[in-house]
N, C-alpha and C. Protein backbone atom coordinates (compact mmCIF):
# COMPACT_ATOMS: atom_id res chain seq x y z
N MET A 1 -28.67 49.07 50.46
CA MET A 1 -29.40 48.96 51.71
C MET A 1 -29.06 50.12 52.65
N TYR A 2 -27.77 50.48 52.69
CA TYR A 2 -27.32 51.57 53.55
C TYR A 2 -27.95 52.89 53.11
N LYS A 3 -28.06 53.11 51.79
CA LYS A 3 -28.65 54.34 51.27
C LYS A 3 -30.13 54.43 51.63
N LEU A 4 -30.83 53.31 51.59
CA LEU A 4 -32.25 53.30 51.94
C LEU A 4 -32.44 53.68 53.40
N GLY A 5 -31.60 53.16 54.28
CA GLY A 5 -31.67 53.51 55.70
C GLY A 5 -31.41 54.99 55.95
N ALA A 6 -30.45 55.55 55.21
CA ALA A 6 -30.14 56.97 55.34
C ALA A 6 -31.31 57.83 54.87
N ILE A 7 -31.94 57.42 53.77
CA ILE A 7 -33.08 58.17 53.24
C ILE A 7 -34.25 58.12 54.22
N VAL A 8 -34.50 56.96 54.80
CA VAL A 8 -35.58 56.82 55.78
C VAL A 8 -35.28 57.69 57.01
N ALA A 9 -34.03 57.71 57.44
CA ALA A 9 -33.65 58.53 58.60
C ALA A 9 -33.87 60.01 58.32
N VAL A 10 -33.49 60.47 57.14
CA VAL A 10 -33.67 61.87 56.76
C VAL A 10 -35.16 62.21 56.71
N LEU A 11 -35.96 61.33 56.16
CA LEU A 11 -37.41 61.56 56.09
C LEU A 11 -38.03 61.62 57.48
N LEU A 12 -37.60 60.76 58.39
CA LEU A 12 -38.13 60.78 59.76
C LEU A 12 -37.76 62.06 60.48
N VAL A 13 -36.52 62.50 60.33
CA VAL A 13 -36.09 63.75 60.96
C VAL A 13 -36.90 64.92 60.41
N THR A 14 -37.11 64.94 59.11
CA THR A 14 -37.91 66.00 58.49
C THR A 14 -39.35 65.97 58.99
N LEU A 15 -39.92 64.80 59.09
CA LEU A 15 -41.30 64.66 59.56
C LEU A 15 -41.43 65.10 61.00
N VAL A 16 -40.54 64.66 61.86
CA VAL A 16 -40.59 65.04 63.28
C VAL A 16 -40.33 66.53 63.44
N GLY A 17 -39.41 67.07 62.65
CA GLY A 17 -39.13 68.51 62.71
C GLY A 17 -40.33 69.35 62.32
N GLY A 18 -41.15 68.84 61.43
CA GLY A 18 -42.35 69.56 61.01
C GLY A 18 -43.43 69.57 62.07
N CYS A 19 -43.33 68.72 63.06
CA CYS A 19 -44.34 68.64 64.11
C CYS A 19 -44.05 69.57 65.28
N VAL A 20 -42.92 70.25 65.27
CA VAL A 20 -42.57 71.16 66.35
C VAL A 20 -43.53 72.34 66.34
N ASN A 21 -44.02 72.71 67.51
CA ASN A 21 -44.95 73.83 67.62
C ASN A 21 -44.19 75.14 67.49
N THR A 22 -44.48 75.91 66.45
CA THR A 22 -43.81 77.19 66.23
C THR A 22 -44.71 78.37 66.57
N THR A 23 -45.84 78.12 67.21
CA THR A 23 -46.74 79.19 67.59
C THR A 23 -46.10 80.01 68.70
N PRO A 24 -45.98 81.34 68.50
CA PRO A 24 -45.35 82.15 69.54
C PRO A 24 -46.22 82.20 70.80
N ARG A 25 -45.58 82.21 71.93
CA ARG A 25 -46.30 82.28 73.19
C ARG A 25 -46.77 83.71 73.43
N VAL A 26 -48.00 83.85 73.89
CA VAL A 26 -48.57 85.17 74.13
C VAL A 26 -47.85 85.79 75.32
N LYS A 27 -47.45 87.05 75.18
CA LYS A 27 -46.70 87.74 76.22
C LYS A 27 -47.58 88.84 76.81
N TYR A 28 -47.97 88.67 78.07
CA TYR A 28 -48.74 89.68 78.77
C TYR A 28 -47.79 90.72 79.36
N THR A 29 -48.25 91.96 79.43
CA THR A 29 -47.51 93.03 80.09
C THR A 29 -48.16 93.26 81.44
N GLN A 30 -47.36 93.36 82.48
CA GLN A 30 -47.87 93.55 83.84
C GLN A 30 -48.10 95.03 84.10
N ALA A 31 -49.23 95.34 84.72
CA ALA A 31 -49.54 96.70 85.16
C ALA A 31 -49.95 96.60 86.62
N ASP A 32 -50.35 97.70 87.20
CA ASP A 32 -50.71 97.74 88.62
C ASP A 32 -52.05 97.05 88.85
N GLY A 33 -52.04 95.79 89.27
CA GLY A 33 -53.26 95.05 89.58
C GLY A 33 -53.81 94.21 88.44
N TYR A 34 -53.20 94.30 87.25
CA TYR A 34 -53.72 93.54 86.12
C TYR A 34 -52.60 93.28 85.11
N ARG A 35 -52.90 92.39 84.17
CA ARG A 35 -52.02 92.12 83.03
C ARG A 35 -52.82 92.41 81.76
N TYR A 36 -52.13 92.73 80.68
CA TYR A 36 -52.85 93.04 79.45
C TYR A 36 -52.04 92.66 78.22
N ILE A 37 -52.76 92.51 77.11
CA ILE A 37 -52.17 92.32 75.79
C ILE A 37 -52.84 93.32 74.86
N GLU A 38 -52.05 93.98 74.05
CA GLU A 38 -52.57 94.90 73.04
C GLU A 38 -52.42 94.25 71.67
N HIS A 39 -53.50 94.18 70.91
CA HIS A 39 -53.47 93.66 69.55
C HIS A 39 -53.79 94.82 68.61
N LYS A 40 -52.82 95.23 67.81
CA LYS A 40 -53.05 96.31 66.85
C LYS A 40 -53.77 95.75 65.64
N ILE A 41 -54.91 96.32 65.32
CA ILE A 41 -55.68 95.89 64.15
C ILE A 41 -55.40 96.84 62.98
N THR A 42 -55.52 98.14 63.23
CA THR A 42 -55.09 99.17 62.27
C THR A 42 -54.36 100.24 63.09
N ASP A 43 -53.96 101.32 62.45
CA ASP A 43 -53.23 102.36 63.17
C ASP A 43 -54.02 102.94 64.34
N ASN A 44 -55.32 103.03 64.21
CA ASN A 44 -56.12 103.63 65.29
C ASN A 44 -57.18 102.68 65.85
N TYR A 45 -56.99 101.40 65.67
CA TYR A 45 -57.97 100.41 66.14
C TYR A 45 -57.21 99.28 66.83
N PHE A 46 -57.50 99.07 68.11
CA PHE A 46 -56.81 98.06 68.91
C PHE A 46 -57.80 97.18 69.64
N MET A 47 -57.36 95.97 69.95
CA MET A 47 -58.10 95.07 70.82
C MET A 47 -57.24 94.88 72.07
N LEU A 48 -57.84 95.03 73.24
CA LEU A 48 -57.13 94.88 74.51
C LEU A 48 -57.72 93.72 75.28
N ASN A 49 -56.86 92.82 75.75
CA ASN A 49 -57.25 91.74 76.67
C ASN A 49 -56.75 92.14 78.05
N ILE A 50 -57.64 92.28 79.00
CA ILE A 50 -57.29 92.67 80.36
C ILE A 50 -57.57 91.47 81.26
N ILE A 51 -56.60 91.09 82.07
CA ILE A 51 -56.74 89.95 82.97
C ILE A 51 -56.37 90.39 84.38
N SER A 52 -57.22 90.02 85.34
CA SER A 52 -56.97 90.39 86.73
C SER A 52 -57.59 89.36 87.66
N LYS A 53 -57.21 89.42 88.91
CA LYS A 53 -57.85 88.60 89.94
C LYS A 53 -58.95 89.41 90.63
N ASN A 54 -59.04 90.68 90.31
CA ASN A 54 -59.94 91.62 90.98
C ASN A 54 -61.14 91.94 90.09
N LYS A 55 -62.21 91.19 90.24
CA LYS A 55 -63.39 91.35 89.39
C LYS A 55 -64.03 92.73 89.48
N PRO A 56 -64.18 93.32 90.67
CA PRO A 56 -64.83 94.64 90.73
C PRO A 56 -64.09 95.74 89.97
N ASN A 57 -62.78 95.61 89.78
CA ASN A 57 -62.00 96.67 89.14
C ASN A 57 -61.67 96.41 87.68
N ILE A 58 -62.14 95.33 87.10
CA ILE A 58 -61.74 94.97 85.74
C ILE A 58 -62.15 96.04 84.72
N ASP A 59 -63.32 96.65 84.88
CA ASP A 59 -63.75 97.71 83.95
C ASP A 59 -62.84 98.93 84.06
N ALA A 60 -62.48 99.30 85.29
CA ALA A 60 -61.58 100.44 85.49
C ALA A 60 -60.21 100.15 84.89
N TYR A 61 -59.72 98.92 85.03
CA TYR A 61 -58.44 98.55 84.44
C TYR A 61 -58.49 98.65 82.92
N ALA A 62 -59.60 98.21 82.32
CA ALA A 62 -59.74 98.27 80.86
C ALA A 62 -59.74 99.72 80.38
N LEU A 63 -60.47 100.58 81.08
CA LEU A 63 -60.51 101.99 80.68
C LEU A 63 -59.16 102.67 80.89
N THR A 64 -58.48 102.33 81.98
CA THR A 64 -57.15 102.89 82.23
C THR A 64 -56.19 102.52 81.12
N GLN A 65 -56.18 101.25 80.74
CA GLN A 65 -55.26 100.80 79.71
C GLN A 65 -55.61 101.41 78.36
N ALA A 66 -56.90 101.52 78.05
CA ALA A 66 -57.32 102.15 76.79
C ALA A 66 -56.88 103.61 76.76
N SER A 67 -57.00 104.30 77.87
CA SER A 67 -56.61 105.71 77.95
C SER A 67 -55.10 105.87 77.77
N MET A 68 -54.32 105.02 78.44
CA MET A 68 -52.86 105.11 78.32
C MET A 68 -52.41 104.79 76.90
N LEU A 69 -53.02 103.78 76.27
CA LEU A 69 -52.67 103.42 74.90
C LEU A 69 -53.00 104.55 73.94
N THR A 70 -54.16 105.17 74.13
CA THR A 70 -54.57 106.29 73.28
C THR A 70 -53.54 107.42 73.35
N GLU A 71 -53.11 107.74 74.55
CA GLU A 71 -52.11 108.79 74.73
C GLU A 71 -50.77 108.39 74.10
N GLN A 72 -50.35 107.15 74.31
CA GLN A 72 -49.08 106.68 73.74
C GLN A 72 -49.09 106.73 72.22
N GLN A 73 -50.23 106.48 71.61
CA GLN A 73 -50.34 106.48 70.15
C GLN A 73 -50.51 107.89 69.57
N GLY A 74 -50.66 108.90 70.44
CA GLY A 74 -50.76 110.27 69.98
C GLY A 74 -52.16 110.72 69.61
N TYR A 75 -53.17 110.02 70.10
CA TYR A 75 -54.55 110.39 69.82
C TYR A 75 -55.16 111.13 71.01
N ASP A 76 -56.28 111.86 70.74
CA ASP A 76 -56.94 112.66 71.77
C ASP A 76 -58.02 111.89 72.53
N TRP A 77 -58.69 110.99 71.86
CA TRP A 77 -59.84 110.30 72.46
C TRP A 77 -59.93 108.86 71.95
N PHE A 78 -60.75 108.07 72.65
CA PHE A 78 -61.04 106.71 72.19
C PHE A 78 -62.51 106.42 72.46
N ILE A 79 -63.05 105.51 71.69
CA ILE A 79 -64.38 104.98 71.96
C ILE A 79 -64.27 103.45 72.00
N ILE A 80 -65.10 102.84 72.82
CA ILE A 80 -65.15 101.38 72.87
C ILE A 80 -66.11 100.95 71.78
N VAL A 81 -65.60 100.23 70.81
CA VAL A 81 -66.40 99.77 69.67
C VAL A 81 -67.15 98.50 70.04
N GLU A 82 -66.46 97.61 70.75
CA GLU A 82 -67.07 96.34 71.14
C GLU A 82 -66.39 95.86 72.41
N GLN A 83 -67.14 95.12 73.23
CA GLN A 83 -66.54 94.54 74.43
C GLN A 83 -67.19 93.20 74.74
N SER A 84 -66.40 92.33 75.32
CA SER A 84 -66.91 91.00 75.68
C SER A 84 -67.53 91.07 77.06
N GLY A 85 -68.32 90.06 77.36
CA GLY A 85 -68.73 89.89 78.74
C GLY A 85 -67.52 89.41 79.52
N LEU A 86 -67.63 89.35 80.81
CA LEU A 86 -66.51 88.87 81.62
C LEU A 86 -66.32 87.38 81.42
N ILE A 87 -65.08 86.99 81.24
CA ILE A 87 -64.72 85.58 81.16
C ILE A 87 -64.10 85.25 82.52
N THR A 88 -64.78 84.43 83.28
CA THR A 88 -64.36 84.18 84.66
C THR A 88 -63.94 82.74 84.88
N THR A 89 -62.81 82.57 85.54
CA THR A 89 -62.35 81.27 86.03
C THR A 89 -62.09 81.44 87.52
N PRO A 90 -61.87 80.35 88.25
CA PRO A 90 -61.61 80.51 89.68
C PRO A 90 -60.40 81.39 90.02
N SER A 91 -59.43 81.47 89.13
CA SER A 91 -58.21 82.21 89.45
C SER A 91 -58.08 83.57 88.78
N ARG A 92 -58.99 83.90 87.82
CA ARG A 92 -58.84 85.17 87.13
C ARG A 92 -60.13 85.61 86.45
N VAL A 93 -60.14 86.88 86.05
CA VAL A 93 -61.24 87.46 85.30
C VAL A 93 -60.62 88.12 84.07
N GLU A 94 -61.26 87.94 82.92
CA GLU A 94 -60.75 88.53 81.68
C GLU A 94 -61.84 89.33 80.99
N LYS A 95 -61.43 90.46 80.43
CA LYS A 95 -62.33 91.30 79.65
C LYS A 95 -61.61 91.69 78.37
N VAL A 96 -62.32 91.66 77.26
CA VAL A 96 -61.75 92.05 75.97
C VAL A 96 -62.53 93.24 75.45
N ILE A 97 -61.80 94.31 75.09
CA ILE A 97 -62.44 95.47 74.49
C ILE A 97 -61.73 95.82 73.19
N GLU A 98 -62.50 96.37 72.27
CA GLU A 98 -61.94 96.90 71.04
C GLU A 98 -62.18 98.39 71.05
N ILE A 99 -61.11 99.15 70.80
CA ILE A 99 -61.22 100.60 70.84
C ILE A 99 -60.79 101.21 69.51
N ARG A 100 -61.40 102.33 69.20
CA ARG A 100 -60.99 103.14 68.05
C ARG A 100 -60.58 104.48 68.59
N MET A 101 -59.46 105.00 68.13
CA MET A 101 -58.92 106.25 68.64
C MET A 101 -58.97 107.32 67.54
N GLY A 102 -58.98 108.57 67.97
CA GLY A 102 -59.00 109.65 67.00
C GLY A 102 -58.47 110.95 67.59
N THR A 103 -58.39 111.95 66.75
CA THR A 103 -57.95 113.29 67.17
C THR A 103 -59.05 114.28 66.83
N GLY A 104 -59.00 115.42 67.51
CA GLY A 104 -59.97 116.47 67.25
C GLY A 104 -61.30 116.20 67.92
N VAL A 105 -62.38 116.55 67.24
CA VAL A 105 -63.73 116.42 67.80
C VAL A 105 -64.15 114.97 67.79
N LYS A 106 -64.62 114.52 68.95
CA LYS A 106 -65.06 113.13 69.10
C LYS A 106 -66.45 112.99 68.44
N PRO A 107 -66.66 111.91 67.67
CA PRO A 107 -67.96 111.75 67.00
C PRO A 107 -69.10 111.48 67.96
């Protein structure tokens, strides 16, 4: 009887342990007037999430961050491959852009 109780206890601990959320929390980086996340897709292809409270400047923030990232990665230029419409809530505005970077002559 004691062994059965121990086995049930071990199974319950294992089951409850499996329910723990192991999803990493998204970490935004703060910049001047906005926050952002960079998602690397390939070496020269990134997705940027830009979040701000300032709706009129969200496009400028997205371009600024894309430009800084392009320079940090050692590329000469970037193009916006795709962009979302503005995602608006009462407390913030979000824009998502995908950029491709390159060197030399821009296509």
